Amino acid sequence: MPGRRGWLGGRGDVCPRRILRFVEPVLLLLLHTRPAHGYDLMERLKPYGFEENPLDSSAVYRALRDMEERGLVTSDWETESAGPARRVYRLTSDGDQHLSAWVADLRETDKGLHHFLDMYETHMEEHG
């Protein structure tokens, strides 16, 4: 749809596949800083472009379950705080290594995107 706010605040259509793919490295980074439960993670996702295009909570929990099955995170039930028990997720050493691989990949992507945008701007200045 023309004019619709896109992912990360851009214009254009939202690309759900790109959003779902980016949630993994962000969750790994957030868990690298501290263990957390799902609701906390959903709130902390917002500054990474998920405020205007929030993810459904089921997508976040699916990503967490998938990462747990792959050994990137672990979880256990926290029952000591007031209120209902909730699952707390922690990064594993494999998850830490996977996060490093994501960072290397995102840095390469960043270089390519900057080159693309520079070329586009140069072209537009020259040819309107």
Protein backbone atom coordinates (compact mmCIF):
# COMPACT_ATOMS: atom_id res chain seq x y z
CA MET A 1 0.00 0.00 0.00
CA PRO A 2 1.54 3.32 -0.95
CA GLY A 3 2.07 5.71 1.93
CA ARG A 4 1.88 3.05 4.62
CA ARG A 5 4.55 3.25 7.33
CA GLY A 6 7.10 0.52 6.75
CA TRP A 7 9.49 -1.40 8.91
CA LEU A 8 11.90 0.75 10.93
CA GLY A 9 9.87 3.85 10.15
CA GLY A 10 10.41 3.91 6.38
CA ARG A 11 7.73 4.41 3.76
CA GLY A 12 6.19 1.57 1.80
CA ASP A 13 4.90 -1.89 2.55
CA VAL A 14 5.92 -3.73 5.67
CA CYS A 15 8.00 -6.81 4.94
CA PRO A 16 6.95 -9.37 7.59
CA ARG A 17 9.64 -11.86 6.59
CA ARG A 18 12.37 -9.26 7.19
CA ILE A 19 10.82 -8.30 10.54
CA LEU A 20 10.61 -11.92 11.68
CA ARG A 21 14.18 -12.58 10.59
CA PHE A 22 15.53 -9.53 12.45
CA VAL A 23 13.79 -10.45 15.70
CA GLU A 24 16.26 -13.32 16.32
CA PRO A 25 19.46 -11.27 16.60
CA VAL A 26 17.65 -8.60 18.62
CA LEU A 27 16.34 -11.19 21.09
CA LEU A 28 19.82 -12.70 21.36
CA LEU A 29 21.28 -9.26 22.07
CA LEU A 30 18.63 -8.49 24.68
CA LEU A 31 19.28 -11.83 26.39
CA HIS A 32 23.02 -11.17 26.24
CA THR A 33 22.44 -8.14 28.46
CA ARG A 34 20.29 -10.03 30.99
CA PRO A 35 17.88 -12.96 31.35
CA ALA A 36 14.27 -11.96 30.74
CA HIS A 37 10.72 -13.19 30.41
CA GLY A 38 8.70 -12.84 27.23
CA TYR A 39 6.75 -9.71 28.12
CA ASP A 40 9.95 -7.89 29.13
CA LEU A 41 11.56 -8.89 25.83
CA MET A 42 8.56 -7.66 23.86
CA GLU A 43 8.82 -4.25 25.53
CA ARG A 44 12.58 -4.08 24.95
CA LEU A 45 12.15 -4.90 21.23
CA LYS A 46 10.45 -1.56 20.56
CA PRO A 47 13.57 0.62 20.04
CA TYR A 48 14.77 -1.78 17.31
CA GLY A 49 11.97 -0.88 14.94
CA PHE A 50 9.19 -2.89 16.54
CA GLU A 51 7.32 0.07 18.06
CA GLU A 52 5.52 1.16 14.90
CA ASN A 53 5.24 -2.41 13.62
CA PRO A 54 4.84 -4.47 16.77
CA LEU A 55 5.15 -8.20 16.58
CA ASP A 56 2.36 -10.42 17.74
CA SER A 57 3.38 -11.98 21.04
CA SER A 58 2.97 -15.44 19.50
CA ALA A 59 5.73 -14.61 16.98
CA VAL A 60 8.11 -13.64 19.78
CA TYR A 61 7.35 -16.82 21.74
CA ARG A 62 7.73 -18.92 18.57
CA ALA A 63 11.15 -17.36 17.97
CA LEU A 64 12.15 -18.05 21.59
CA ARG A 65 10.97 -21.68 21.38
CA ASP A 66 12.81 -22.14 18.09
CA MET A 67 16.02 -20.70 19.55
CA GLU A 68 15.60 -22.93 22.60
CA GLU A 69 15.22 -26.02 20.40
CA ARG A 70 18.42 -25.01 18.61
CA GLY A 71 20.27 -24.60 21.91
CA LEU A 72 20.73 -20.84 21.62
CA VAL A 73 18.68 -20.04 24.73
CA THR A 74 17.45 -21.93 27.76
CA SER A 75 14.45 -21.23 29.91
CA ASP A 76 13.02 -22.15 33.28
CA TRP A 77 10.03 -21.16 35.32
CA GLU A 78 10.41 -18.29 37.77
CA THR A 79 8.09 -18.88 40.71
CA GLU A 80 9.70 -16.73 43.41
CA SER A 81 8.18 -13.37 42.43
CA ALA A 82 4.64 -12.28 43.22
CA GLY A 83 2.06 -13.23 40.63
CA PRO A 84 1.89 -16.17 38.29
CA ALA A 85 4.95 -18.18 37.34
CA ARG A 86 6.62 -17.05 34.15
CA ARG A 87 9.27 -18.48 31.89
CA VAL A 88 12.65 -16.72 32.04
CA TYR A 89 14.99 -17.04 29.06
CA ARG A 90 18.79 -17.03 29.20
CA LEU A 91 21.43 -16.95 26.48
CA THR A 92 23.64 -20.05 26.14
CA SER A 93 27.27 -20.07 25.01
CA ASP A 94 26.03 -21.34 21.61
CA GLY A 95 23.62 -18.41 21.55
CA ASP A 96 26.49 -16.02 22.30
CA GLN A 97 28.46 -17.45 19.35
CA HIS A 98 25.38 -17.25 17.12
CA LEU A 99 24.90 -13.60 18.12
CA SER A 100 28.50 -12.88 17.08
CA ALA A 101 27.82 -14.50 13.70
CA TRP A 102 24.68 -12.36 13.31
CA VAL A 103 26.68 -9.22 14.09
CA ALA A 104 29.28 -10.08 11.44
CA ASP A 105 26.51 -10.73 8.89
CA LEU A 106 24.65 -7.52 9.78
CA ARG A 107 27.87 -5.51 9.43
CA GLU A 108 28.32 -6.86 5.89
CA THR A 109 24.68 -6.11 5.12
CA ASP A 110 25.15 -2.60 6.51
CA LYS A 111 28.08 -2.01 4.13
CA GLY A 112 26.01 -3.17 1.16
CA LEU A 113 23.03 -1.04 2.16
CA HIS A 114 25.17 2.07 2.58
CA HIS A 115 26.73 1.51 -0.84
CA PHE A 116 23.29 1.06 -2.36
CA LEU A 117 21.93 4.22 -0.75
CA ASP A 118 25.00 6.24 -1.73
CA MET A 119 24.67 5.07 -5.33
CA TYR A 120 20.96 5.89 -5.35
CA GLU A 121 21.56 9.39 -4.00
CA THR A 122 24.35 10.03 -6.53
CA HIS A 123 22.13 8.81 -9.36
CA MET A 124 19.21 10.96 -8.23
CA GLU A 125 21.42 14.06 -7.95
CA GLU A 126 22.75 13.50 -11.47
CA HIS A 127 19.57 12.35 -13.20
CA GLY A 128 16.73 13.52 -10.99
